[in-house]
N, C-alpha and C. Protein backbone atom coordinates (compact mmCIF):
# COMPACT_ATOMS: atom_id res chain seq x y z
N MET A 1 94.13 104.48 85.86
CA MET A 1 93.23 104.90 86.91
C MET A 1 94.07 105.42 88.08
N SER A 2 93.75 106.62 88.54
CA SER A 2 94.49 107.22 89.64
C SER A 2 94.09 106.59 90.98
N ASP A 3 94.86 106.90 92.02
CA ASP A 3 94.55 106.36 93.35
C ASP A 3 93.18 106.82 93.83
N VAL A 4 92.84 108.08 93.54
CA VAL A 4 91.53 108.60 93.95
C VAL A 4 90.42 107.82 93.25
N GLU A 5 90.59 107.59 91.95
CA GLU A 5 89.58 106.84 91.20
C GLU A 5 89.44 105.42 91.73
N LYS A 6 90.57 104.79 92.07
CA LYS A 6 90.53 103.43 92.62
C LYS A 6 89.79 103.42 93.95
N ASN A 7 90.09 104.40 94.81
CA ASN A 7 89.43 104.49 96.10
C ASN A 7 87.93 104.72 95.93
N MET A 8 87.55 105.60 95.01
CA MET A 8 86.13 105.88 94.78
C MET A 8 85.42 104.63 94.23
N ASP A 9 86.13 103.86 93.41
CA ASP A 9 85.55 102.63 92.88
C ASP A 9 85.32 101.62 94.01
N ILE A 10 86.26 101.53 94.92
CA ILE A 10 86.10 100.64 96.09
C ILE A 10 84.90 101.09 96.92
N GLN A 11 84.80 102.41 97.13
CA GLN A 11 83.68 102.95 97.91
C GLN A 11 82.34 102.71 97.20
N ARG A 12 82.34 102.84 95.86
CA ARG A 12 81.13 102.59 95.09
C ARG A 12 80.67 101.14 95.29
N LEU A 13 81.61 100.21 95.29
CA LEU A 13 81.27 98.80 95.51
C LEU A 13 80.74 98.58 96.93
N LYS A 14 81.29 99.30 97.89
CA LYS A 14 80.79 99.19 99.26
C LYS A 14 79.37 99.74 99.37
N ILE A 15 79.08 100.80 98.63
CA ILE A 15 77.71 101.34 98.60
C ILE A 15 76.77 100.30 98.01
N LYS A 16 77.20 99.64 96.93
CA LYS A 16 76.36 98.60 96.32
C LYS A 16 76.09 97.46 97.31
N GLU A 17 77.10 97.07 98.09
CA GLU A 17 76.91 96.04 99.11
C GLU A 17 75.92 96.50 100.17
N TYR A 18 76.05 97.75 100.58
CA TYR A 18 75.15 98.32 101.59
C TYR A 18 73.71 98.32 101.08
N LEU A 19 73.54 98.73 99.82
CA LEU A 19 72.19 98.74 99.23
C LEU A 19 71.60 97.34 99.19
N ALA A 20 72.41 96.36 98.82
CA ALA A 20 71.93 94.97 98.76
C ALA A 20 71.55 94.48 100.15
N GLU A 21 72.36 94.82 101.13
CA GLU A 21 72.10 94.40 102.51
C GLU A 21 70.79 94.99 103.02
N LYS A 22 70.53 96.25 102.68
CA LYS A 22 69.31 96.94 103.11
C LYS A 22 68.12 96.66 102.20
N LYS A 23 68.39 95.97 101.09
CA LYS A 23 67.37 95.71 100.06
C LYS A 23 66.82 97.02 99.47
N TRP A 24 67.73 97.97 99.28
CA TRP A 24 67.40 99.25 98.66
C TRP A 24 67.78 99.20 97.19
N THR A 25 67.11 99.99 96.39
CA THR A 25 67.42 100.09 94.97
C THR A 25 68.09 101.43 94.69
N ASN A 26 68.53 101.61 93.47
CA ASN A 26 69.07 102.91 93.07
C ASN A 26 68.01 104.00 93.21
N ALA A 27 66.75 103.63 93.01
CA ALA A 27 65.66 104.61 93.14
C ALA A 27 65.60 105.16 94.57
N THR A 28 65.95 104.35 95.54
CA THR A 28 66.00 104.82 96.92
C THR A 28 67.07 105.90 97.05
N LEU A 29 68.23 105.67 96.45
CA LEU A 29 69.29 106.69 96.49
C LEU A 29 68.86 107.96 95.78
N VAL A 30 68.12 107.84 94.71
CA VAL A 30 67.62 109.01 93.99
C VAL A 30 66.75 109.84 94.94
N ARG A 31 65.83 109.18 95.62
CA ARG A 31 64.94 109.90 96.55
C ARG A 31 65.70 110.50 97.72
N LEU A 32 66.67 109.77 98.26
CA LEU A 32 67.39 110.23 99.44
C LEU A 32 68.42 111.32 99.15
N THR A 33 69.01 111.29 97.97
CA THR A 33 70.08 112.23 97.66
C THR A 33 69.65 113.42 96.82
N GLY A 34 68.58 113.25 96.05
CA GLY A 34 68.16 114.33 95.17
C GLY A 34 68.88 114.35 93.83
N TYR A 35 69.81 113.42 93.63
CA TYR A 35 70.48 113.32 92.33
C TYR A 35 69.50 112.71 91.34
N ASN A 36 69.70 113.00 90.05
CA ASN A 36 68.74 112.44 89.09
C ASN A 36 69.02 110.96 88.82
N LYS A 37 67.97 110.29 88.35
CA LYS A 37 67.99 108.83 88.20
C LYS A 37 69.11 108.35 87.27
N SER A 38 69.27 109.02 86.14
CA SER A 38 70.28 108.54 85.18
C SER A 38 71.69 108.72 85.73
N ASP A 39 71.92 109.79 86.49
CA ASP A 39 73.25 109.98 87.08
C ASP A 39 73.53 108.91 88.13
N VAL A 40 72.57 108.64 89.00
CA VAL A 40 72.76 107.62 90.03
C VAL A 40 73.02 106.27 89.38
N SER A 41 72.27 105.96 88.35
CA SER A 41 72.46 104.69 87.63
C SER A 41 73.87 104.61 87.03
N SER A 42 74.30 105.68 86.39
CA SER A 42 75.63 105.70 85.76
C SER A 42 76.74 105.62 86.80
N ILE A 43 76.56 106.32 87.91
CA ILE A 43 77.58 106.29 88.97
C ILE A 43 77.66 104.90 89.57
N MET A 44 76.52 104.33 89.91
CA MET A 44 76.51 103.03 90.58
C MET A 44 76.94 101.89 89.67
N SER A 45 76.77 102.04 88.36
CA SER A 45 77.23 101.00 87.44
C SER A 45 78.70 101.16 87.09
N GLY A 46 79.29 102.31 87.44
CA GLY A 46 80.69 102.55 87.14
C GLY A 46 80.93 103.19 85.78
N LYS A 47 79.85 103.52 85.07
CA LYS A 47 80.00 104.15 83.76
C LYS A 47 80.48 105.60 83.89
N MET A 48 80.05 106.26 84.96
CA MET A 48 80.46 107.63 85.22
C MET A 48 81.41 107.60 86.41
N TYR A 49 82.62 108.11 86.23
CA TYR A 49 83.58 108.09 87.33
C TYR A 49 84.64 109.17 87.11
N GLY A 50 85.36 109.47 88.19
CA GLY A 50 86.52 110.34 88.09
C GLY A 50 86.26 111.83 88.04
N THR A 51 85.02 112.26 88.22
CA THR A 51 84.73 113.69 88.21
C THR A 51 84.39 114.14 89.63
N PRO A 52 84.53 115.42 89.91
CA PRO A 52 84.15 115.91 91.24
C PRO A 52 82.68 115.61 91.57
N TYR A 53 81.82 115.68 90.57
CA TYR A 53 80.39 115.38 90.76
C TYR A 53 80.20 113.96 91.31
N VAL A 54 80.86 113.01 90.69
CA VAL A 54 80.78 111.60 91.11
C VAL A 54 81.42 111.42 92.48
N ASN A 55 82.60 111.99 92.66
CA ASN A 55 83.29 111.86 93.93
C ASN A 55 82.47 112.44 95.08
N ASN A 56 81.82 113.58 94.84
CA ASN A 56 80.97 114.19 95.86
C ASN A 56 79.80 113.29 96.21
N PHE A 57 79.19 112.69 95.20
CA PHE A 57 78.06 111.78 95.44
C PHE A 57 78.50 110.59 96.30
N ILE A 58 79.59 109.95 95.91
CA ILE A 58 80.06 108.77 96.63
C ILE A 58 80.45 109.13 98.06
N THR A 59 81.15 110.24 98.22
CA THR A 59 81.55 110.68 99.56
C THR A 59 80.33 111.00 100.41
N MET A 60 79.35 111.69 99.85
CA MET A 60 78.15 112.06 100.57
C MET A 60 77.39 110.82 101.05
N VAL A 61 77.22 109.84 100.18
CA VAL A 61 76.49 108.64 100.55
C VAL A 61 77.25 107.87 101.63
N CYS A 62 78.54 107.75 101.48
CA CYS A 62 79.35 107.02 102.48
C CYS A 62 79.28 107.71 103.84
N GLU A 63 79.38 109.03 103.87
CA GLU A 63 79.32 109.76 105.12
C GLU A 63 77.93 109.70 105.74
N ALA A 64 76.90 109.82 104.93
CA ALA A 64 75.53 109.84 105.43
C ALA A 64 75.12 108.50 106.06
N TYR A 65 75.63 107.40 105.52
CA TYR A 65 75.21 106.08 105.98
C TYR A 65 76.30 105.32 106.72
N GLY A 66 77.40 106.00 107.03
CA GLY A 66 78.47 105.37 107.82
C GLY A 66 79.17 104.23 107.12
N ILE A 67 79.28 104.32 105.81
CA ILE A 67 79.95 103.28 105.04
C ILE A 67 81.45 103.59 105.06
N LYS A 68 82.22 102.68 105.60
CA LYS A 68 83.68 102.90 105.73
C LYS A 68 84.43 102.27 104.60
């Protein structure tokens, strides 16, 4: 796993913590981001990783909600 992938995985876990804190589901992210349900599920579970598509999603969510 490259450094970028490790960083994105850390950010993905921070997004999951944020969702739990706000009591939001993956469906909320689907509505807010416009990404399709299966992609959001795969990204948030860690099954899909390491592609620009995934990295853009994680970066966008972190920037939009101030997740550091």
